[in-house]
N, C-alpha and C. Protein backbone atom coordinates (compact mmCIF):
# COMPACT_ATOMS: atom_id res chain seq x y z
N MET A 1 50.52 -157.24 -5.64
CA MET A 1 50.66 -156.40 -4.51
C MET A 1 52.14 -156.27 -4.12
N GLY A 2 52.69 -155.09 -4.33
CA GLY A 2 54.13 -154.84 -4.09
C GLY A 2 54.78 -154.46 -5.28
N GLY A 3 55.59 -153.24 -5.47
CA GLY A 3 56.07 -152.70 -6.50
C GLY A 3 57.58 -152.52 -6.22
N ASN A 4 58.18 -153.22 -5.32
CA ASN A 4 59.70 -153.24 -5.12
C ASN A 4 60.23 -154.29 -6.20
N ILE A 5 61.47 -154.58 -5.98
CA ILE A 5 62.11 -155.40 -6.88
C ILE A 5 61.49 -156.74 -7.03
N GLN A 6 61.09 -157.40 -5.84
CA GLN A 6 60.43 -158.73 -5.99
C GLN A 6 59.13 -158.56 -6.95
N GLY A 7 58.15 -157.59 -6.42
CA GLY A 7 57.07 -157.42 -7.29
C GLY A 7 57.29 -157.22 -8.77
N CYS A 8 58.37 -156.30 -9.08
CA CYS A 8 58.39 -155.99 -10.47
C CYS A 8 59.10 -157.14 -11.19
N GLN A 9 59.93 -157.96 -10.61
CA GLN A 9 60.55 -159.07 -11.24
C GLN A 9 59.53 -160.21 -11.40
N THR A 10 58.65 -160.29 -10.47
CA THR A 10 57.58 -161.30 -10.62
C THR A 10 56.59 -160.91 -11.74
N ALA A 11 56.28 -159.55 -11.89
CA ALA A 11 55.56 -159.02 -13.07
C ALA A 11 56.20 -159.41 -14.39
N GLU A 12 57.45 -159.10 -14.39
CA GLU A 12 58.19 -159.61 -15.68
C GLU A 12 57.95 -160.95 -15.97
N PHE A 13 58.25 -161.94 -15.05
CA PHE A 13 58.14 -163.32 -15.13
C PHE A 13 56.73 -163.61 -15.79
N LEU A 14 55.69 -163.12 -15.11
CA LEU A 14 54.35 -163.37 -15.54
C LEU A 14 53.97 -162.69 -17.04
N VAL A 15 54.48 -161.67 -17.32
CA VAL A 15 54.22 -160.94 -18.58
C VAL A 15 54.93 -161.89 -19.78
N LYS A 16 56.16 -162.40 -19.41
CA LYS A 16 56.81 -163.23 -20.42
C LYS A 16 55.97 -164.41 -20.66
N ARG A 17 55.08 -164.85 -19.72
CA ARG A 17 54.33 -166.05 -19.83
C ARG A 17 52.87 -165.62 -20.35
N GLY A 18 52.74 -164.52 -20.86
CA GLY A 18 51.48 -164.11 -21.44
C GLY A 18 50.42 -163.58 -20.47
N ARG A 19 50.80 -163.20 -19.22
CA ARG A 19 49.70 -162.76 -18.30
C ARG A 19 49.58 -161.34 -18.38
N LYS A 20 48.35 -160.81 -18.08
CA LYS A 20 48.05 -159.41 -18.05
C LYS A 20 48.36 -158.97 -16.52
N VAL A 21 49.20 -157.91 -16.33
CA VAL A 21 49.67 -157.68 -14.88
C VAL A 21 49.32 -156.30 -14.60
N THR A 22 48.86 -156.06 -13.47
CA THR A 22 48.91 -154.62 -12.79
C THR A 22 49.71 -154.77 -11.49
N ILE A 23 50.59 -153.77 -11.44
CA ILE A 23 51.48 -153.71 -10.08
C ILE A 23 50.95 -152.68 -9.30
N VAL A 24 50.50 -152.99 -8.09
CA VAL A 24 49.89 -151.95 -7.09
C VAL A 24 50.92 -151.76 -5.88
N ASP A 25 51.22 -150.73 -5.35
CA ASP A 25 52.08 -150.48 -4.26
C ASP A 25 51.67 -149.24 -3.37
N THR A 26 51.92 -149.36 -2.06
CA THR A 26 51.65 -148.29 -1.30
C THR A 26 52.75 -147.22 -1.30
N ALA A 27 53.85 -147.46 -2.01
CA ALA A 27 54.98 -146.40 -2.03
C ALA A 27 54.58 -145.46 -2.98
N LYS A 28 55.31 -144.18 -3.01
CA LYS A 28 54.87 -143.09 -3.83
C LYS A 28 55.13 -143.37 -5.17
N GLU A 29 56.23 -144.47 -5.50
CA GLU A 29 56.39 -144.80 -7.00
C GLU A 29 56.74 -146.22 -7.00
N ILE A 30 56.46 -146.88 -8.10
CA ILE A 30 56.75 -148.30 -8.38
C ILE A 30 58.17 -148.39 -8.62
N GLY A 31 58.88 -149.27 -8.06
CA GLY A 31 60.19 -149.40 -8.05
C GLY A 31 60.98 -148.77 -7.03
N ASP A 32 60.31 -148.23 -6.13
CA ASP A 32 61.05 -147.46 -5.07
C ASP A 32 61.95 -148.55 -4.33
N GLY A 33 63.18 -148.27 -4.28
CA GLY A 33 63.99 -149.22 -3.62
C GLY A 33 64.72 -150.20 -4.62
N LEU A 34 64.57 -150.23 -5.86
CA LEU A 34 65.25 -150.98 -6.98
C LEU A 34 66.74 -150.58 -7.02
N LEU A 35 67.50 -151.37 -7.44
CA LEU A 35 68.89 -150.79 -7.67
C LEU A 35 68.86 -149.94 -8.79
N GLU A 36 68.86 -148.50 -8.38
CA GLU A 36 68.46 -147.36 -9.18
C GLU A 36 69.17 -147.38 -10.66
N ILE A 37 70.57 -147.56 -10.65
CA ILE A 37 71.19 -147.28 -11.78
C ILE A 37 71.16 -148.51 -12.82
N PHE A 38 71.15 -149.72 -12.18
CA PHE A 38 71.30 -150.93 -13.02
C PHE A 38 69.94 -151.59 -13.47
N ILE A 39 68.84 -151.52 -12.42
CA ILE A 39 67.70 -152.19 -12.81
C ILE A 39 66.58 -151.31 -13.14
N LYS A 40 66.37 -150.39 -12.38
CA LYS A 40 65.15 -149.55 -12.45
C LYS A 40 64.77 -149.04 -13.79
N PRO A 41 65.64 -148.34 -14.40
CA PRO A 41 65.13 -147.74 -15.67
C PRO A 41 64.77 -148.67 -16.79
N HIS A 42 65.53 -149.68 -16.72
CA HIS A 42 65.41 -150.81 -17.79
C HIS A 42 64.15 -151.65 -17.43
N LEU A 43 64.10 -152.09 -16.39
CA LEU A 43 62.82 -152.86 -15.92
C LEU A 43 61.55 -152.15 -15.97
N LEU A 44 61.54 -151.06 -15.42
CA LEU A 44 60.14 -150.33 -15.52
C LEU A 44 59.81 -149.80 -16.92
N THR A 45 60.85 -149.52 -17.78
CA THR A 45 60.65 -149.23 -19.22
C THR A 45 60.05 -150.39 -19.80
N TRP A 46 60.56 -151.51 -19.72
CA TRP A 46 60.17 -152.79 -20.24
C TRP A 46 58.86 -153.11 -19.93
N LEU A 47 58.65 -153.10 -18.54
CA LEU A 47 57.23 -153.37 -18.07
C LEU A 47 56.19 -152.34 -18.71
N ALA A 48 56.47 -151.04 -18.79
CA ALA A 48 55.60 -150.09 -19.53
C ALA A 48 55.39 -150.48 -20.95
N GLU A 49 56.43 -150.95 -21.58
CA GLU A 49 56.22 -151.22 -23.02
C GLU A 49 55.39 -152.52 -23.33
N LYS A 50 55.40 -153.33 -22.19
CA LYS A 50 54.56 -154.50 -22.46
C LYS A 50 53.22 -154.33 -21.82
N GLY A 51 52.83 -153.06 -21.56
CA GLY A 51 51.59 -152.81 -21.17
C GLY A 51 51.04 -153.01 -19.69
N VAL A 52 52.10 -153.16 -18.85
CA VAL A 52 51.98 -153.43 -17.37
C VAL A 52 51.28 -152.10 -16.72
N THR A 53 50.19 -152.36 -16.02
CA THR A 53 49.55 -151.04 -15.41
C THR A 53 50.30 -151.01 -14.07
N MET A 54 50.74 -149.76 -13.61
CA MET A 54 51.44 -149.55 -12.46
C MET A 54 50.63 -148.48 -11.74
N MET A 55 50.37 -148.81 -10.36
CA MET A 55 49.54 -147.99 -9.63
C MET A 55 50.14 -147.75 -8.25
N PRO A 56 51.03 -146.76 -8.11
CA PRO A 56 51.68 -146.47 -6.81
C PRO A 56 50.70 -145.67 -5.84
N GLY A 57 51.07 -145.52 -4.59
CA GLY A 57 50.45 -144.70 -3.68
C GLY A 57 48.98 -145.27 -3.29
N VAL A 58 48.95 -146.56 -3.55
CA VAL A 58 47.43 -147.00 -3.04
C VAL A 58 47.40 -147.47 -1.67
N LYS A 59 46.19 -147.71 -1.28
CA LYS A 59 46.10 -148.45 0.25
C LYS A 59 45.29 -149.62 -0.26
N TYR A 60 45.74 -150.84 0.42
CA TYR A 60 45.22 -152.04 0.11
C TYR A 60 43.89 -152.15 0.94
N GLU A 61 42.83 -152.54 0.48
CA GLU A 61 41.61 -152.64 1.28
C GLU A 61 41.15 -154.18 1.59
N LYS A 62 40.98 -154.88 0.50
CA LYS A 62 40.64 -156.22 0.83
C LYS A 62 40.66 -157.02 -0.53
N ILE A 63 40.82 -158.23 -0.25
CA ILE A 63 40.92 -159.36 -1.44
C ILE A 63 39.69 -160.04 -1.61
N THR A 64 38.99 -160.04 -2.59
CA THR A 64 37.70 -160.70 -2.80
C THR A 64 37.62 -161.91 -3.84
N ASP A 65 36.58 -162.45 -4.08
CA ASP A 65 36.57 -163.19 -5.25
C ASP A 65 36.61 -162.53 -6.60
N LYS A 66 36.38 -161.40 -6.58
CA LYS A 66 36.37 -160.63 -7.73
C LYS A 66 37.85 -160.04 -8.22
N GLY A 67 38.68 -159.81 -7.00
CA GLY A 67 39.98 -159.20 -7.22
C GLY A 67 40.52 -158.38 -5.98
N LEU A 68 41.14 -157.49 -6.27
CA LEU A 68 41.78 -156.61 -5.12
C LEU A 68 41.10 -155.35 -5.11
N THR A 69 40.46 -155.00 -4.03
CA THR A 69 39.95 -153.59 -3.64
C THR A 69 40.97 -152.71 -3.07
N ILE A 70 41.27 -151.47 -3.72
CA ILE A 70 42.00 -150.48 -3.13
C ILE A 70 41.63 -149.17 -3.14
N ILE A 71 42.24 -148.38 -2.51
CA ILE A 71 41.98 -146.80 -2.40
C ILE A 71 43.02 -146.18 -3.13
N THR A 72 42.78 -145.65 -4.20
CA THR A 72 43.83 -145.04 -5.16
C THR A 72 44.46 -143.77 -4.52
N LYS A 73 45.45 -143.26 -5.02
CA LYS A 73 46.21 -142.15 -4.45
C LYS A 73 45.34 -140.89 -4.53
N GLU A 74 44.33 -140.97 -5.28
CA GLU A 74 43.24 -139.73 -5.52
C GLU A 74 42.11 -139.99 -4.50
N GLY A 75 42.18 -141.13 -3.74
CA GLY A 75 41.20 -141.49 -2.75
C GLY A 75 39.96 -142.11 -3.15
N LYS A 76 39.90 -142.74 -4.41
CA LYS A 76 38.76 -143.36 -4.94
C LYS A 76 38.87 -144.97 -4.66
N ARG A 77 37.83 -145.60 -4.31
CA ARG A 77 37.85 -146.86 -4.02
C ARG A 77 37.76 -147.59 -5.48
N GLN A 78 38.51 -148.61 -5.69
CA GLN A 78 38.47 -149.22 -6.89
C GLN A 78 38.77 -150.75 -6.91
N THR A 79 38.02 -151.60 -7.45
CA THR A 79 38.46 -153.06 -7.36
C THR A 79 39.12 -153.30 -8.73
N ILE A 80 40.23 -153.90 -8.56
CA ILE A 80 41.01 -154.44 -9.77
C ILE A 80 40.66 -155.98 -9.96
N GLU A 81 39.94 -156.29 -11.01
CA GLU A 81 39.69 -157.63 -11.18
C GLU A 81 40.72 -158.45 -11.55
N ALA A 82 40.81 -159.64 -10.90
CA ALA A 82 41.91 -160.56 -11.06
C ALA A 82 41.52 -161.93 -10.77
N ASP A 83 41.98 -162.80 -11.45
CA ASP A 83 41.76 -164.21 -11.23
C ASP A 83 43.04 -164.72 -10.11
N THR A 84 44.12 -164.11 -10.08
CA THR A 84 45.27 -164.35 -9.43
C THR A 84 45.81 -163.04 -8.76
N ILE A 85 46.12 -163.14 -7.32
CA ILE A 85 46.71 -162.03 -6.79
C ILE A 85 48.00 -162.57 -6.16
N VAL A 86 49.10 -162.00 -6.56
CA VAL A 86 50.44 -162.28 -5.98
C VAL A 86 50.99 -161.26 -4.99
N THR A 87 51.27 -161.62 -3.81
CA THR A 87 51.88 -160.56 -2.84
C THR A 87 53.30 -160.60 -2.81
N ALA A 88 53.99 -159.62 -3.01
CA ALA A 88 55.32 -159.35 -2.97
C ALA A 88 55.62 -158.23 -2.08
N LEU A 89 55.01 -158.21 -0.86
CA LEU A 89 55.07 -157.19 0.07
C LEU A 89 56.38 -157.24 0.85
N PRO A 90 56.70 -156.21 1.63
CA PRO A 90 58.04 -156.12 2.41
C PRO A 90 58.23 -157.54 3.10
N LEU A 91 59.30 -158.03 3.00
CA LEU A 91 59.75 -159.22 3.61
C LEU A 91 60.14 -159.27 5.00
N LEU A 92 59.99 -160.30 5.66
CA LEU A 92 60.57 -160.40 7.06
C LEU A 92 61.54 -161.58 6.94
N PRO A 93 62.66 -161.60 7.98
CA PRO A 93 63.59 -162.71 8.00
C PRO A 93 62.84 -164.01 8.42
N ASN A 94 63.33 -165.06 7.71
CA ASN A 94 62.80 -166.45 8.14
C ASN A 94 63.70 -167.04 9.02
N THR A 95 63.48 -166.88 10.39
CA THR A 95 64.40 -167.35 11.46
C THR A 95 63.98 -168.65 12.16
N GLU A 96 62.94 -169.53 11.47
CA GLU A 96 62.44 -170.55 12.23
C GLU A 96 63.63 -171.70 12.28
N LEU A 97 64.41 -171.92 11.25
CA LEU A 97 65.24 -173.09 11.25
C LEU A 97 66.58 -172.73 12.39
N LEU A 98 66.90 -171.23 12.25
CA LEU A 98 67.87 -170.70 13.23
C LEU A 98 67.45 -170.95 14.69
N LYS A 99 66.14 -170.70 14.91
CA LYS A 99 65.66 -170.94 16.25
C LYS A 99 65.61 -172.40 16.69
N SER A 100 65.34 -173.12 15.77
CA SER A 100 65.21 -174.68 15.99
C SER A 100 66.62 -175.22 16.32
N LEU A 101 67.63 -174.68 15.69
CA LEU A 101 69.01 -175.15 15.94
C LEU A 101 69.76 -174.72 17.12
N LYS A 102 69.28 -173.58 17.70
CA LYS A 102 69.94 -173.20 18.74
C LYS A 102 70.00 -174.10 19.92
N GLY A 103 71.34 -174.18 20.51
CA GLY A 103 71.58 -175.02 21.56
C GLY A 103 71.76 -176.65 21.09
N LYS A 104 71.52 -176.78 19.76
CA LYS A 104 71.67 -178.29 19.30
C LYS A 104 72.92 -178.29 18.41
N VAL A 105 73.59 -177.25 18.03
CA VAL A 105 74.67 -177.15 17.15
C VAL A 105 75.77 -176.18 17.86
N ARG A 106 77.03 -176.33 17.53
CA ARG A 106 78.07 -175.62 18.30
C ARG A 106 78.13 -174.19 17.71
N GLU A 107 77.84 -173.98 16.48
CA GLU A 107 78.05 -172.67 15.80
C GLU A 107 77.03 -172.56 14.67
N ILE A 108 76.33 -171.36 14.74
CA ILE A 108 75.40 -171.03 13.88
C ILE A 108 75.63 -169.59 13.13
N TYR A 109 75.63 -169.41 11.84
CA TYR A 109 75.78 -168.15 11.15
C TYR A 109 74.68 -167.92 10.23
N PRO A 110 73.77 -167.11 10.67
CA PRO A 110 72.62 -166.74 9.77
C PRO A 110 73.19 -165.89 8.65
N ILE A 111 72.65 -166.45 7.46
CA ILE A 111 72.95 -165.60 6.22
C ILE A 111 71.73 -165.49 5.40
N GLY A 112 71.75 -164.88 4.36
CA GLY A 112 70.56 -164.66 3.22
C GLY A 112 69.42 -164.35 4.02
N ASP A 113 68.14 -164.87 3.52
CA ASP A 113 67.05 -164.36 4.13
C ASP A 113 66.62 -164.64 5.57
N CYS A 114 67.55 -165.62 6.11
CA CYS A 114 67.50 -165.94 7.62
C CYS A 114 68.02 -164.65 8.33
N LYS A 115 68.84 -163.98 7.74
CA LYS A 115 69.52 -162.81 8.50
C LYS A 115 68.73 -161.61 8.21
N GLU A 116 68.68 -161.40 6.81
CA GLU A 116 67.73 -160.21 6.31
C GLU A 116 67.23 -160.44 4.83
N PRO A 117 65.97 -160.34 4.58
CA PRO A 117 65.70 -160.61 3.17
C PRO A 117 66.26 -159.63 2.13
N HIS A 118 66.88 -160.10 1.14
CA HIS A 118 67.42 -159.20 0.17
C HIS A 118 67.62 -159.95 -1.06
N LEU A 119 68.68 -159.70 -1.86
CA LEU A 119 68.94 -160.29 -3.11
C LEU A 119 69.81 -161.48 -2.90
N ILE A 120 69.78 -162.38 -3.92
CA ILE A 120 70.61 -163.50 -3.76
C ILE A 120 72.11 -163.25 -3.68
N VAL A 121 72.49 -162.18 -4.43
CA VAL A 121 73.91 -161.82 -4.24
C VAL A 121 74.26 -161.40 -2.87
N ASN A 122 73.42 -160.97 -2.14
CA ASN A 122 73.71 -160.56 -0.74
C ASN A 122 73.79 -161.81 0.05
N ALA A 123 73.11 -162.91 -0.15
CA ALA A 123 73.27 -164.14 0.52
C ALA A 123 74.56 -164.81 0.15
N ILE A 124 74.96 -164.72 -1.13
CA ILE A 124 76.30 -165.13 -1.60
C ILE A 124 77.44 -164.44 -0.88
N THR A 125 77.21 -163.16 -0.87
CA THR A 125 78.41 -162.38 -0.02
C THR A 125 78.35 -162.72 1.43
N ASP A 126 77.27 -162.73 2.02
CA ASP A 126 77.26 -163.39 3.49
C ASP A 126 77.89 -164.64 3.55
N GLY A 127 77.48 -165.61 2.61
CA GLY A 127 78.20 -166.98 2.93
C GLY A 127 79.64 -166.92 2.59
N SER A 128 80.18 -166.06 1.65
CA SER A 128 81.52 -165.87 1.43
C SER A 128 82.21 -165.34 2.57
N ARG A 129 81.61 -164.43 3.27
CA ARG A 129 82.21 -163.60 4.30
C ARG A 129 82.34 -164.58 5.55
N VAL A 130 81.34 -165.32 5.83
CA VAL A 130 81.33 -166.20 7.00
C VAL A 130 82.34 -167.50 6.73
N ALA A 131 82.34 -167.89 5.43
CA ALA A 131 83.36 -169.04 5.28
C ALA A 131 84.71 -168.63 5.45
N ARG A 132 85.03 -167.38 4.97
CA ARG A 132 86.40 -166.80 5.08
C ARG A 132 86.74 -166.61 6.64
N ALA A 133 85.75 -166.18 7.42
CA ALA A 133 85.99 -165.91 8.75
C ALA A 133 86.24 -167.06 9.58
N ILE A 134 85.68 -168.30 9.14
CA ILE A 134 85.61 -169.61 9.95
C ILE A 134 87.03 -170.26 9.59
């Protein structure tokens, strides 16, 4: 569940380990939001060549013992049989550690997923920026 970079890269990881994968997403297209020039064409082509089914524009209905029930973009209810469902849905910042440290330490600089879920390169950039500022 989720066809952005996290979902597509998770699909790649699973395919390389012999798993049959279907990517479903509510967005109009799979890979919406991927780094267009560098990743999207290569990763989506590779996934298609490996037989990954990609279903954009769906609505998630429910997860059952049989799999994931969705409403397709054509409006049809469908259950995708699955023994495992991986969610790679839009991420939210993880601010629990930040909150627990407030008032206990003199300075706190949130970076990475504490600030905003993104790619590791963004966390490294945040860390470098903060370190240079201190």
